[in-house]
Amino acid sequence: MQNDLDRYIEEGKMVTEEKMTNELRNLEIPEQLKQSMLYSIEAGGKRLRPILMMASCGAYSSDRSKVLSTAVALEMIHTYSLIHDDLPAMDNDNLRRGKPTNHKAFDEATAILAGDALLTYSFELITQDSRLTDRQKVFLTGSLSQASGPKGMVAGQILDMDAETKDVTLEELETIHMFKTGELVKFAVKAGAFIGNASAEQLTYLDEFAHYLGLIFQVQDDILDVTGDPEKIGKPVGSDEENEKNTYPRLLGLDGAIEKKHHYVNKAKEALENAGADSSYLMLLTDYFSNREY
């Protein structure tokens, strides 16, 4: 079963990266901007959000290819957020996925504009997708705007920055990550299932599943910053502690963080069973998110 999941993930990565690269290479735009966008898109990555969207669609439909443009749009937004996160005004990181960050490879202004371009082009991708109905395009653009904007990821980013050097409660930490990481994970699950024609009841349970999956993703990120292999995660470990960031290990200790992660896994699987998707790749991906090493 693990080999099957590995193959599924690798195929999802391949089609996502091929589509993203082709879309950008075919754009008639200033060369400096194009190269900066491609630099971060081609830097690698897990591509877990697009794969998650494909799996969510596949739980209710035999044709997961219908989500490809939307999955690429989501990954472009994720990539833009990383470019901006790395800037001196934000996390001031020099490495991303083992390579110089975008603003180090180019310059700050180009990096900002590359991020802006990836964000806005993502919505163009969805609205020009001939495989989507008008109703689906309206739902997807509205949902993605909310998940990535001031009610979603951007809200989480500013809450995260504001919480630096402060002591926060577990509830406050969960809120930060629910917005910063969780909303885009929720969109991936919800969008895939919506395109796959899941029922309203199933979508409700999947929303709960995605809530816990986002927390699983973040707590494992925090754990890897303590125990991870720098070669695998592409950056030095211990940067969260050095930057006085609020993390699960800092709040609960390493053992407590692992215990909390297992709680989230159980809640996610329970919601998945209620959504009638427990025999799908979503169940396997839950364990994959929990046990990933990078």
Protein backbone atom coordinates (compact mmCIF):
# COMPACT_ATOMS: atom_id res chain seq x y z
CA MET A 1 0.00 0.00 0.00
CA GLN A 2 2.90 2.36 0.77
CA ASN A 3 4.36 1.79 -2.70
CA ASP A 4 0.96 2.59 -4.20
CA LEU A 5 0.79 5.86 -2.23
CA ASP A 6 4.38 6.76 -3.19
CA ARG A 7 3.51 6.23 -6.85
CA TYR A 8 0.31 8.27 -6.47
CA ILE A 9 2.21 11.17 -4.87
CA GLU A 10 4.97 11.06 -7.48
CA GLU A 11 2.46 11.10 -10.34
CA GLY A 12 0.60 14.01 -8.73
CA LYS A 13 3.84 15.96 -8.34
CA MET A 14 4.84 15.27 -11.92
CA VAL A 15 1.61 16.45 -13.54
CA THR A 16 1.42 19.50 -11.26
CA GLU A 17 4.98 20.61 -11.99
CA GLU A 18 4.66 19.99 -15.73
CA LYS A 19 1.47 22.05 -15.89
CA MET A 20 2.91 24.89 -13.77
CA THR A 21 6.14 25.12 -15.73
CA ASN A 22 4.39 25.04 -19.10
CA GLU A 23 1.93 27.74 -18.05
CA LEU A 24 4.69 30.11 -16.98
CA ARG A 25 7.10 29.40 -19.85
CA ASN A 26 4.35 30.21 -22.37
CA LEU A 27 3.58 33.62 -20.84
CA GLU A 28 4.63 36.64 -22.88
CA ILE A 29 5.89 38.76 -20.00
CA PRO A 30 9.15 40.55 -19.06
CA GLU A 31 11.95 38.00 -18.93
CA GLN A 32 13.22 39.04 -15.48
CA LEU A 33 9.77 38.52 -14.02
CA LYS A 34 9.30 35.17 -15.76
CA GLN A 35 12.67 33.86 -14.57
CA SER A 36 11.98 34.91 -10.98
CA MET A 37 8.57 33.19 -11.03
CA LEU A 38 10.05 30.05 -12.55
CA TYR A 39 12.94 30.06 -10.08
CA SER A 40 10.62 29.51 -7.12
CA ILE A 41 8.18 27.27 -8.98
CA GLU A 42 11.02 24.99 -10.12
CA ALA A 43 12.78 24.98 -6.73
CA GLY A 44 10.91 21.79 -5.86
CA GLY A 45 8.52 21.14 -3.02
CA LYS A 46 6.17 18.49 -1.75
CA ARG A 47 3.19 19.64 -3.87
CA LEU A 48 0.98 18.18 -1.16
CA ARG A 49 -1.85 20.69 -1.64
CA PRO A 50 -2.41 19.80 -5.32
CA ILE A 51 -2.08 16.10 -4.52
CA LEU A 52 -4.59 16.52 -1.71
CA MET A 53 -7.01 18.21 -4.10
CA MET A 54 -6.67 15.39 -6.60
CA ALA A 55 -7.27 12.82 -3.87
CA SER A 56 -10.34 14.68 -2.63
CA CYS A 57 -11.79 14.80 -6.14
CA GLY A 58 -10.89 11.14 -6.66
CA ALA A 59 -12.87 10.15 -3.57
CA TYR A 60 -16.08 11.13 -5.39
CA SER A 61 -15.21 11.11 -9.10
CA SER A 62 -13.21 8.90 -11.44
CA ASP A 63 -11.80 11.91 -13.30
CA ARG A 64 -9.36 13.79 -11.09
CA SER A 65 -7.83 15.59 -14.09
CA LYS A 66 -10.64 18.15 -13.87
CA VAL A 67 -8.93 19.75 -10.87
CA LEU A 68 -5.50 20.25 -12.47
CA SER A 69 -5.75 23.98 -13.28
CA THR A 70 -7.21 24.73 -9.86
CA ALA A 71 -4.53 22.61 -8.18
CA VAL A 72 -1.82 24.54 -10.03
CA ALA A 73 -3.46 27.83 -9.07
CA LEU A 74 -3.35 26.78 -5.42
CA GLU A 75 0.32 25.80 -5.63
CA MET A 76 1.17 29.13 -7.23
CA ILE A 77 -0.46 30.94 -4.33
CA HIS A 78 1.45 28.77 -1.87
CA THR A 79 4.69 29.56 -3.72
CA TYR A 80 3.97 33.30 -3.70
CA SER A 81 3.46 33.15 0.06
CA LEU A 82 6.86 31.48 0.51
CA ILE A 83 8.60 34.12 -1.60
CA HIS A 84 7.10 36.88 0.53
CA ASP A 85 7.64 34.99 3.81
CA ASP A 86 11.36 34.80 3.08
CA LEU A 87 11.75 38.56 2.55
CA PRO A 88 13.81 40.61 5.05
CA ALA A 89 10.65 42.34 6.27
CA MET A 90 9.13 38.95 7.17
CA ASP A 91 11.24 35.91 8.13
CA ASN A 92 14.48 37.15 6.51
CA ASP A 93 15.53 33.68 5.30
CA ASN A 94 18.49 33.04 3.00
CA LEU A 95 17.58 29.46 2.00
CA ARG A 96 14.41 27.83 0.73
CA ARG A 97 14.39 24.17 -0.27
CA GLY A 98 18.17 24.13 -0.14
CA LYS A 99 18.60 27.03 -2.58
CA PRO A 100 19.03 30.79 -2.13
CA THR A 101 15.68 32.46 -1.54
CA ASN A 102 14.14 34.41 -4.41
CA HIS A 103 15.22 37.81 -3.17
CA LYS A 104 18.78 36.52 -2.78
CA ALA A 105 18.86 35.00 -6.28
CA PHE A 106 17.35 38.14 -7.82
CA ASP A 107 16.55 41.18 -5.65
CA GLU A 108 13.82 42.23 -3.23
CA ALA A 109 11.74 44.21 -5.73
CA THR A 110 11.76 41.38 -8.28
CA ALA A 111 10.87 38.83 -5.60
CA ILE A 112 7.91 40.93 -4.43
CA LEU A 113 6.64 41.33 -7.98
CA ALA A 114 7.13 37.63 -8.76
CA GLY A 115 5.00 36.79 -5.74
CA ASP A 116 2.36 39.32 -6.81
CA ALA A 117 2.34 37.84 -10.31
CA LEU A 118 1.90 34.25 -9.10
CA LEU A 119 -0.97 35.31 -6.85
CA THR A 120 -2.93 37.15 -9.50
CA TYR A 121 -2.21 34.72 -12.34
CA SER A 122 -3.62 31.87 -10.25
CA PHE A 123 -7.13 33.31 -10.53
CA GLU A 124 -6.76 33.76 -14.28
CA LEU A 125 -5.94 30.05 -14.53
CA ILE A 126 -9.20 29.08 -12.85
CA THR A 127 -11.42 31.47 -14.80
CA GLN A 128 -9.96 30.31 -18.13
CA ASP A 129 -10.35 26.59 -17.41
CA SER A 130 -12.73 25.25 -20.07
CA ARG A 131 -13.38 22.10 -18.04
CA LEU A 132 -15.08 24.03 -15.25
CA THR A 133 -18.65 25.30 -15.30
CA ASP A 134 -19.39 28.95 -14.57
CA ARG A 135 -20.86 27.90 -11.22
CA GLN A 136 -17.67 26.05 -10.33
CA LYS A 137 -15.48 29.00 -11.35
CA VAL A 138 -17.45 31.38 -9.12
CA PHE A 139 -17.28 28.97 -6.17
CA LEU A 140 -13.57 28.24 -6.60
CA THR A 141 -12.40 31.83 -7.09
CA GLY A 142 -14.50 33.01 -4.15
CA SER A 143 -13.29 30.21 -1.88
CA LEU A 144 -9.64 30.60 -2.89
CA SER A 145 -9.79 34.38 -2.39
CA GLN A 146 -11.11 33.86 1.13
CA ALA A 147 -8.63 31.10 1.98
CA SER A 148 -5.60 33.07 0.81
CA GLY A 149 -6.61 36.61 1.78
CA PRO A 150 -7.30 38.67 4.91
CA LYS A 151 -9.75 36.08 6.26
CA GLY A 152 -7.31 33.24 5.65
CA MET A 153 -3.59 32.82 5.07
CA VAL A 154 -2.69 36.52 5.25
CA ALA A 155 -4.52 36.81 8.57
CA GLY A 156 -2.50 33.87 9.87
CA GLN A 157 0.75 35.43 8.72
CA ILE A 158 0.18 38.68 10.58
CA LEU A 159 -1.05 36.86 13.69
CA ASP A 160 2.10 34.73 13.54
CA MET A 161 4.36 37.78 13.31
CA ASP A 162 2.48 39.56 16.08
CA ALA A 163 2.87 36.52 18.35
CA GLU A 164 6.67 36.41 18.00
CA THR A 165 8.47 36.90 21.33
CA LYS A 166 5.09 36.59 23.11
CA ASP A 167 3.73 33.64 25.05
CA VAL A 168 0.54 32.27 23.53
CA THR A 169 -1.95 29.62 24.62
CA LEU A 170 -2.55 26.39 22.74
CA GLU A 171 -5.87 27.80 21.52
CA GLU A 172 -4.13 30.92 20.17
CA LEU A 173 -1.48 28.80 18.47
CA GLU A 174 -4.16 26.65 16.82
CA THR A 175 -5.91 29.80 15.60
CA ILE A 176 -2.71 31.11 14.00
CA HIS A 177 -2.11 27.87 12.15
CA MET A 178 -5.77 27.40 11.27
CA PHE A 179 -5.44 30.57 9.22
CA LYS A 180 -1.79 30.48 8.08
CA THR A 181 -1.66 26.85 6.95
CA GLY A 182 -5.10 25.39 7.47
CA GLU A 183 -7.18 27.56 5.16
CA LEU A 184 -5.28 26.58 2.01
CA VAL A 185 -5.40 22.92 3.07
CA LYS A 186 -9.15 23.31 3.59
CA PHE A 187 -9.50 24.82 0.14
CA ALA A 188 -7.58 21.92 -1.42
CA VAL A 189 -9.94 19.38 0.12
CA LYS A 190 -13.12 21.39 -0.43
CA ALA A 191 -12.30 22.34 -4.03
CA GLY A 192 -11.44 18.80 -5.06
CA ALA A 193 -14.59 17.35 -3.52
CA PHE A 194 -16.77 20.12 -4.96
CA ILE A 195 -15.45 19.50 -8.48
CA GLY A 196 -15.97 15.79 -7.83
CA ASN A 197 -19.65 16.44 -6.97
CA ALA A 198 -19.59 15.53 -3.28
CA SER A 199 -22.82 16.20 -1.41
CA ALA A 200 -23.34 19.15 0.95
CA GLU A 201 -23.20 16.79 3.95
CA GLN A 202 -19.96 15.22 2.73
CA LEU A 203 -18.44 18.67 2.21
CA THR A 204 -19.29 19.56 5.82
CA TYR A 205 -17.44 16.52 7.18
CA LEU A 206 -14.54 17.14 4.79
CA ASP A 207 -14.24 20.68 6.13
CA GLU A 208 -13.77 19.19 9.60
CA PHE A 209 -11.27 16.67 8.23
CA ALA A 210 -9.27 19.43 6.53
CA HIS A 211 -9.26 21.51 9.72
CA TYR A 212 -7.41 18.76 11.57
CA LEU A 213 -5.23 17.91 8.59
CA GLY A 214 -3.97 21.49 8.51
CA LEU A 215 -3.06 21.27 12.18
CA ILE A 216 -1.33 17.92 11.60
CA PHE A 217 0.74 19.52 8.84
CA GLN A 218 1.80 22.41 11.06
CA VAL A 219 2.60 20.44 14.20
CA GLN A 220 4.77 18.10 12.11
CA ASP A 221 6.52 21.16 10.66
CA ASP A 222 7.24 22.31 14.21
CA ILE A 223 8.50 18.87 15.22
CA LEU A 224 10.79 18.69 12.18
CA ASP A 225 12.34 22.03 13.14
CA VAL A 226 13.52 20.25 16.30
CA THR A 227 14.24 16.72 15.09
CA GLY A 228 14.47 16.97 11.29
CA ASP A 229 17.39 16.33 8.97
CA PRO A 230 18.60 19.67 7.48
CA GLU A 231 19.49 17.88 4.24
CA LYS A 232 15.92 16.63 3.85
CA ILE A 233 14.03 19.76 4.90
CA GLY A 234 16.33 22.09 2.94
CA LYS A 235 17.10 24.52 5.76
CA PRO A 236 18.79 24.52 9.18
CA VAL A 237 16.83 23.09 12.11
CA GLY A 238 16.23 25.17 15.20
CA SER A 239 15.32 28.37 13.35
CA ASP A 240 11.91 28.55 15.07
CA GLU A 241 13.52 28.55 18.50
CA GLU A 242 16.18 31.01 17.38
CA ASN A 243 13.49 33.38 16.08
CA GLU A 244 11.43 32.89 19.27
CA LYS A 245 8.48 31.59 17.29
CA ASN A 246 5.55 30.00 19.05
CA THR A 247 5.50 26.31 18.20
CA TYR A 248 3.91 23.15 19.56
CA PRO A 249 7.21 21.82 21.01
CA ARG A 250 7.91 25.17 22.67
CA LEU A 251 4.41 25.20 24.20
CA LEU A 252 3.91 21.50 24.98
CA GLY A 253 7.40 20.01 24.84
CA LEU A 254 8.41 17.57 22.09
CA ASP A 255 6.52 14.60 23.58
CA GLY A 256 3.45 16.75 24.14
CA ALA A 257 3.56 17.97 20.55
CA ILE A 258 3.72 14.39 19.27
CA GLU A 259 0.80 13.42 21.49
CA LYS A 260 -1.25 16.38 20.24
CA LYS A 261 -0.47 15.39 16.64
CA HIS A 262 -1.84 11.88 17.26
CA HIS A 263 -5.03 13.45 18.65
CA TYR A 264 -5.43 15.49 15.47
CA VAL A 265 -4.86 12.37 13.34
CA ASN A 266 -7.63 10.48 15.13
CA LYS A 267 -10.07 13.39 14.72
CA ALA A 268 -9.20 13.74 11.03
CA LYS A 269 -9.79 10.06 10.34
CA GLU A 270 -13.10 10.11 12.20
CA ALA A 271 -14.32 13.01 10.03
CA LEU A 272 -13.12 11.22 6.92
CA GLU A 273 -15.15 8.14 7.82
CA ASN A 274 -18.23 10.30 8.27
CA ALA A 275 -17.63 11.78 4.82
CA GLY A 276 -17.61 8.30 3.29
CA ALA A 277 -14.05 8.80 2.03
CA ASP A 278 -12.15 6.53 4.42
CA SER A 279 -11.19 4.11 1.63
CA SER A 280 -9.73 6.90 -0.52
CA TYR A 281 -6.17 8.19 -0.78
CA LEU A 282 -7.16 10.88 1.71
CA MET A 283 -6.83 8.35 4.53
CA LEU A 284 -3.34 7.34 3.43
CA LEU A 285 -2.35 10.98 2.97
CA THR A 286 -3.37 11.71 6.57
CA ASP A 287 -0.70 9.33 7.83
CA TYR A 288 1.73 10.66 5.22
CA PHE A 289 1.24 14.24 6.47
CA SER A 290 1.75 13.07 10.02
CA ASN A 291 4.92 11.07 9.39
CA ARG A 292 6.65 13.07 6.66
CA GLU A 293 10.35 13.81 7.08
CA TYR A 294 10.51 17.05 5.06
